[in-house]
N, C-alpha and C. Protein backbone atom coordinates (compact mmCIF):
# COMPACT_ATOMS: atom_id res chain seq x y z
N UNK A 1 -149.97 197.11 -85.58
CA UNK A 1 -151.17 197.57 -84.92
C UNK A 1 -151.81 198.65 -85.79
N UNK A 2 -153.12 198.60 -85.87
CA UNK A 2 -153.87 199.64 -86.57
C UNK A 2 -154.73 200.37 -85.56
N UNK A 3 -154.76 201.69 -85.71
CA UNK A 3 -155.59 202.51 -84.83
C UNK A 3 -156.76 203.09 -85.63
N UNK A 4 -157.91 203.07 -85.01
CA UNK A 4 -159.13 203.61 -85.60
C UNK A 4 -159.69 204.64 -84.64
N UNK A 5 -159.98 205.83 -85.16
CA UNK A 5 -160.52 206.92 -84.33
C UNK A 5 -161.78 207.44 -85.00
N UNK A 6 -162.88 207.39 -84.24
CA UNK A 6 -164.19 207.79 -84.78
C UNK A 6 -164.92 208.70 -83.81
N UNK A 7 -165.68 209.66 -84.34
CA UNK A 7 -166.52 210.48 -83.47
C UNK A 7 -167.72 209.68 -82.98
N UNK A 8 -168.06 209.90 -81.73
CA UNK A 8 -169.22 209.24 -81.13
C UNK A 8 -170.09 210.30 -80.47
N UNK A 9 -171.39 210.09 -80.53
CA UNK A 9 -172.35 211.01 -79.92
C UNK A 9 -172.91 210.37 -78.66
N UNK A 10 -172.81 211.08 -77.55
CA UNK A 10 -173.32 210.62 -76.26
C UNK A 10 -174.59 211.40 -75.95
N UNK A 11 -175.64 210.68 -75.54
CA UNK A 11 -176.93 211.30 -75.27
C UNK A 11 -177.58 210.64 -74.05
N UNK A 12 -178.05 211.45 -73.14
CA UNK A 12 -178.75 210.95 -71.95
C UNK A 12 -180.14 210.45 -72.35
N UNK A 13 -180.42 209.17 -72.07
CA UNK A 13 -181.76 208.62 -72.28
C UNK A 13 -182.46 208.66 -70.93
N UNK A 14 -183.31 209.65 -70.74
CA UNK A 14 -183.94 209.87 -69.44
C UNK A 14 -184.97 208.80 -69.10
N UNK A 15 -185.61 208.22 -70.11
CA UNK A 15 -186.59 207.18 -69.85
C UNK A 15 -185.94 205.93 -69.25
N UNK A 16 -184.85 205.50 -69.85
CA UNK A 16 -184.18 204.29 -69.38
C UNK A 16 -183.01 204.60 -68.45
N UNK A 17 -182.75 205.84 -68.21
CA UNK A 17 -181.68 206.30 -67.32
C UNK A 17 -180.32 205.70 -67.66
N UNK A 18 -179.95 205.82 -68.94
CA UNK A 18 -178.64 205.40 -69.41
C UNK A 18 -178.08 206.46 -70.34
N UNK A 19 -176.81 206.36 -70.60
CA UNK A 19 -176.15 207.21 -71.59
C UNK A 19 -176.01 206.38 -72.87
N UNK A 20 -176.66 206.81 -73.94
CA UNK A 20 -176.57 206.13 -75.23
C UNK A 20 -175.37 206.68 -76.00
N UNK A 21 -174.72 205.80 -76.74
CA UNK A 21 -173.58 206.20 -77.56
C UNK A 21 -173.84 205.70 -78.98
N UNK A 22 -173.65 206.61 -79.94
CA UNK A 22 -173.84 206.27 -81.35
C UNK A 22 -172.60 206.67 -82.14
N UNK A 23 -172.10 205.74 -82.94
CA UNK A 23 -171.06 206.04 -83.92
C UNK A 23 -171.79 206.24 -85.24
N UNK A 24 -172.05 207.49 -85.62
CA UNK A 24 -172.89 207.74 -86.80
C UNK A 24 -172.33 207.18 -88.10
N UNK A 25 -171.02 207.07 -88.22
CA UNK A 25 -170.43 206.58 -89.46
C UNK A 25 -170.56 205.07 -89.60
N UNK A 26 -170.76 204.37 -88.48
CA UNK A 26 -170.76 202.92 -88.49
C UNK A 26 -172.12 202.31 -88.16
N UNK A 27 -173.05 203.13 -87.67
CA UNK A 27 -174.34 202.59 -87.24
C UNK A 27 -174.21 201.73 -86.00
N UNK A 28 -173.15 201.93 -85.26
CA UNK A 28 -172.83 201.15 -84.07
C UNK A 28 -173.32 201.88 -82.84
N UNK A 29 -173.98 201.18 -81.92
CA UNK A 29 -174.47 201.80 -80.70
C UNK A 29 -174.11 200.97 -79.48
N UNK A 30 -174.07 201.63 -78.35
CA UNK A 30 -173.89 200.98 -77.05
C UNK A 30 -174.43 201.94 -76.01
N UNK A 31 -174.35 201.57 -74.75
CA UNK A 31 -174.78 202.48 -73.69
C UNK A 31 -174.11 202.11 -72.38
N UNK A 32 -174.27 202.97 -71.40
CA UNK A 32 -173.72 202.75 -70.07
C UNK A 32 -174.52 203.51 -69.05
N UNK A 33 -174.34 203.15 -67.80
CA UNK A 33 -175.10 203.78 -66.71
C UNK A 33 -174.68 205.23 -66.50
N UNK A 34 -173.44 205.56 -66.80
CA UNK A 34 -172.93 206.91 -66.65
C UNK A 34 -171.90 207.15 -67.76
N UNK A 35 -171.46 208.37 -67.93
CA UNK A 35 -170.61 208.74 -69.08
C UNK A 35 -169.33 207.90 -69.14
N UNK A 36 -168.66 207.73 -68.02
CA UNK A 36 -167.39 206.98 -68.02
C UNK A 36 -167.61 205.53 -68.46
N UNK A 37 -168.68 204.92 -67.97
CA UNK A 37 -168.98 203.54 -68.37
C UNK A 37 -169.34 203.48 -69.85
N UNK A 38 -170.15 204.41 -70.31
CA UNK A 38 -170.53 204.46 -71.72
C UNK A 38 -169.29 204.64 -72.61
N UNK A 39 -168.35 205.47 -72.16
CA UNK A 39 -167.10 205.68 -72.89
C UNK A 39 -166.32 204.37 -73.01
N UNK A 40 -166.18 203.64 -71.91
CA UNK A 40 -165.45 202.37 -71.93
C UNK A 40 -166.14 201.35 -72.83
N UNK A 41 -167.47 201.27 -72.74
CA UNK A 41 -168.20 200.35 -73.61
C UNK A 41 -168.08 200.75 -75.07
N UNK A 42 -168.03 202.04 -75.34
CA UNK A 42 -167.86 202.52 -76.71
C UNK A 42 -166.50 202.09 -77.26
N UNK A 43 -165.46 202.21 -76.44
CA UNK A 43 -164.13 201.77 -76.87
C UNK A 43 -164.13 200.27 -77.17
N UNK A 44 -164.77 199.49 -76.30
CA UNK A 44 -164.84 198.04 -76.50
C UNK A 44 -165.63 197.70 -77.76
N UNK A 45 -166.74 198.38 -77.97
CA UNK A 45 -167.57 198.11 -79.15
C UNK A 45 -166.83 198.47 -80.44
N UNK A 46 -166.13 199.60 -80.43
CA UNK A 46 -165.37 200.01 -81.61
C UNK A 46 -164.26 199.01 -81.91
N UNK A 47 -163.57 198.56 -80.88
CA UNK A 47 -162.50 197.57 -81.08
C UNK A 47 -163.08 196.26 -81.63
N UNK A 48 -164.16 195.77 -81.03
CA UNK A 48 -164.77 194.53 -81.50
C UNK A 48 -165.19 194.65 -82.96
N UNK A 49 -165.75 195.79 -83.31
CA UNK A 49 -166.17 196.04 -84.69
C UNK A 49 -164.98 195.91 -85.63
N UNK A 50 -163.87 196.57 -85.28
CA UNK A 50 -162.73 196.56 -86.20
C UNK A 50 -161.92 195.27 -86.15
N UNK A 51 -161.98 194.53 -85.08
CA UNK A 51 -161.39 193.19 -85.09
C UNK A 51 -162.11 192.35 -86.12
N UNK A 52 -163.43 192.42 -86.11
CA UNK A 52 -164.25 191.68 -87.08
C UNK A 52 -163.97 192.14 -88.50
N UNK A 53 -163.92 193.45 -88.72
CA UNK A 53 -163.65 194.00 -90.05
C UNK A 53 -162.29 193.54 -90.56
N UNK A 54 -161.29 193.60 -89.71
CA UNK A 54 -159.94 193.20 -90.11
C UNK A 54 -159.85 191.69 -90.35
N UNK A 55 -160.48 190.92 -89.49
CA UNK A 55 -160.42 189.46 -89.61
C UNK A 55 -161.03 188.98 -90.92
N UNK A 56 -162.13 189.59 -91.33
CA UNK A 56 -162.82 189.15 -92.54
C UNK A 56 -162.61 190.08 -93.73
N UNK A 57 -161.66 191.01 -93.60
CA UNK A 57 -161.28 191.92 -94.69
C UNK A 57 -162.51 192.60 -95.31
N UNK A 58 -163.31 193.23 -94.45
CA UNK A 58 -164.54 193.88 -94.89
C UNK A 58 -164.33 195.37 -95.14
N UNK A 59 -165.18 195.94 -95.96
CA UNK A 59 -165.17 197.39 -96.18
C UNK A 59 -165.84 198.08 -95.00
N UNK A 60 -165.47 199.32 -94.76
CA UNK A 60 -166.07 200.10 -93.68
C UNK A 60 -166.06 201.57 -94.06
N UNK A 61 -166.93 202.34 -93.41
CA UNK A 61 -166.99 203.78 -93.65
C UNK A 61 -165.85 204.47 -92.92
N UNK A 62 -165.27 205.45 -93.56
CA UNK A 62 -164.24 206.26 -92.93
C UNK A 62 -164.90 207.28 -92.00
N UNK A 63 -164.18 207.73 -90.99
CA UNK A 63 -164.79 208.67 -90.04
C UNK A 63 -165.05 210.05 -90.64
N UNK A 64 -166.17 210.61 -90.24
CA UNK A 64 -166.48 211.99 -90.58
C UNK A 64 -165.60 212.88 -89.71
N UNK A 65 -165.23 214.03 -90.22
CA UNK A 65 -164.42 214.96 -89.43
C UNK A 65 -165.16 215.34 -88.16
N UNK A 66 -164.41 215.42 -87.07
CA UNK A 66 -164.98 215.73 -85.76
C UNK A 66 -165.79 217.02 -85.80
N UNK A 67 -165.22 218.07 -86.40
CA UNK A 67 -165.89 219.38 -86.43
C UNK A 67 -167.26 219.31 -87.10
N UNK A 68 -167.39 218.50 -88.12
CA UNK A 68 -168.67 218.37 -88.81
C UNK A 68 -169.70 217.70 -87.90
N UNK A 69 -169.31 216.62 -87.23
CA UNK A 69 -170.23 215.93 -86.31
C UNK A 69 -170.58 216.86 -85.14
N UNK A 70 -169.57 217.54 -84.62
CA UNK A 70 -169.77 218.45 -83.49
C UNK A 70 -170.73 219.58 -83.85
N UNK A 71 -170.57 220.14 -85.04
CA UNK A 71 -171.42 221.27 -85.45
C UNK A 71 -172.87 220.85 -85.68
N UNK A 72 -173.10 219.58 -85.94
CA UNK A 72 -174.46 219.08 -86.18
C UNK A 72 -175.10 218.52 -84.91
N UNK A 73 -174.33 218.44 -83.83
CA UNK A 73 -174.86 217.88 -82.57
C UNK A 73 -175.89 218.83 -81.95
N UNK A 74 -176.86 218.24 -81.30
CA UNK A 74 -177.87 219.02 -80.60
C UNK A 74 -177.31 219.45 -79.24
N UNK A 75 -178.01 220.39 -78.59
CA UNK A 75 -177.54 220.93 -77.31
C UNK A 75 -177.37 219.87 -76.23
N UNK A 76 -178.17 218.83 -76.26
CA UNK A 76 -178.11 217.80 -75.22
C UNK A 76 -177.19 216.64 -75.58
N UNK A 77 -176.40 216.78 -76.65
CA UNK A 77 -175.49 215.73 -77.08
C UNK A 77 -174.04 216.13 -76.84
N UNK A 78 -173.24 215.15 -76.46
CA UNK A 78 -171.80 215.35 -76.29
C UNK A 78 -171.11 214.55 -77.39
N UNK A 79 -170.16 215.16 -78.07
CA UNK A 79 -169.42 214.46 -79.12
C UNK A 79 -167.98 214.25 -78.64
N UNK A 80 -167.52 213.02 -78.74
CA UNK A 80 -166.14 212.67 -78.35
C UNK A 80 -165.52 211.81 -79.43
N UNK A 81 -164.20 211.87 -79.50
CA UNK A 81 -163.47 210.95 -80.37
C UNK A 81 -163.14 209.70 -79.55
N UNK A 82 -163.42 208.55 -80.13
CA UNK A 82 -163.13 207.27 -79.48
C UNK A 82 -162.10 206.55 -80.34
N UNK A 83 -161.11 205.96 -79.70
CA UNK A 83 -160.10 205.23 -80.46
C UNK A 83 -160.09 203.75 -80.09
N UNK A 84 -159.69 202.94 -81.05
CA UNK A 84 -159.53 201.51 -80.84
C UNK A 84 -158.25 201.08 -81.54
N UNK A 85 -157.42 200.35 -80.83
CA UNK A 85 -156.19 199.80 -81.40
C UNK A 85 -156.39 198.31 -81.61
N UNK A 86 -156.17 197.85 -82.84
CA UNK A 86 -156.33 196.45 -83.18
C UNK A 86 -154.97 195.89 -83.58
N UNK A 87 -154.55 194.85 -82.88
CA UNK A 87 -153.27 194.22 -83.15
C UNK A 87 -153.49 192.96 -84.00
N UNK A 88 -152.41 192.44 -84.55
CA UNK A 88 -152.49 191.19 -85.30
C UNK A 88 -152.99 190.07 -84.40
N UNK A 89 -152.57 190.09 -83.16
CA UNK A 89 -152.99 189.06 -82.20
C UNK A 89 -154.50 189.10 -81.99
N UNK A 90 -155.10 190.28 -81.97
CA UNK A 90 -156.55 190.42 -81.82
C UNK A 90 -157.30 189.75 -82.97
N UNK A 91 -156.73 189.81 -84.17
CA UNK A 91 -157.39 189.34 -85.37
C UNK A 91 -157.23 187.83 -85.57
N UNK A 92 -156.20 187.27 -85.00
CA UNK A 92 -155.94 185.82 -85.18
C UNK A 92 -156.93 184.96 -84.45
């Protein structure tokens, strides 16, 4: 099993009334109706991304240090670490 841990930025989109999630190192985005849902979708999106990367042996960006992403976040943004575990079975 391989574990991948990346910082994600959570931001309230007031126009569409959703929580947007961005993985700045991967250009990967998702959203949810509330923070907990957005967190779960972020975990699923990160796992799907790395299943694909592992299956096709693709290059990917390494995660930026949490403190660097956190220090650059705006006042209305929440930064969290999201993890995804990818097993051999997931890739087959």
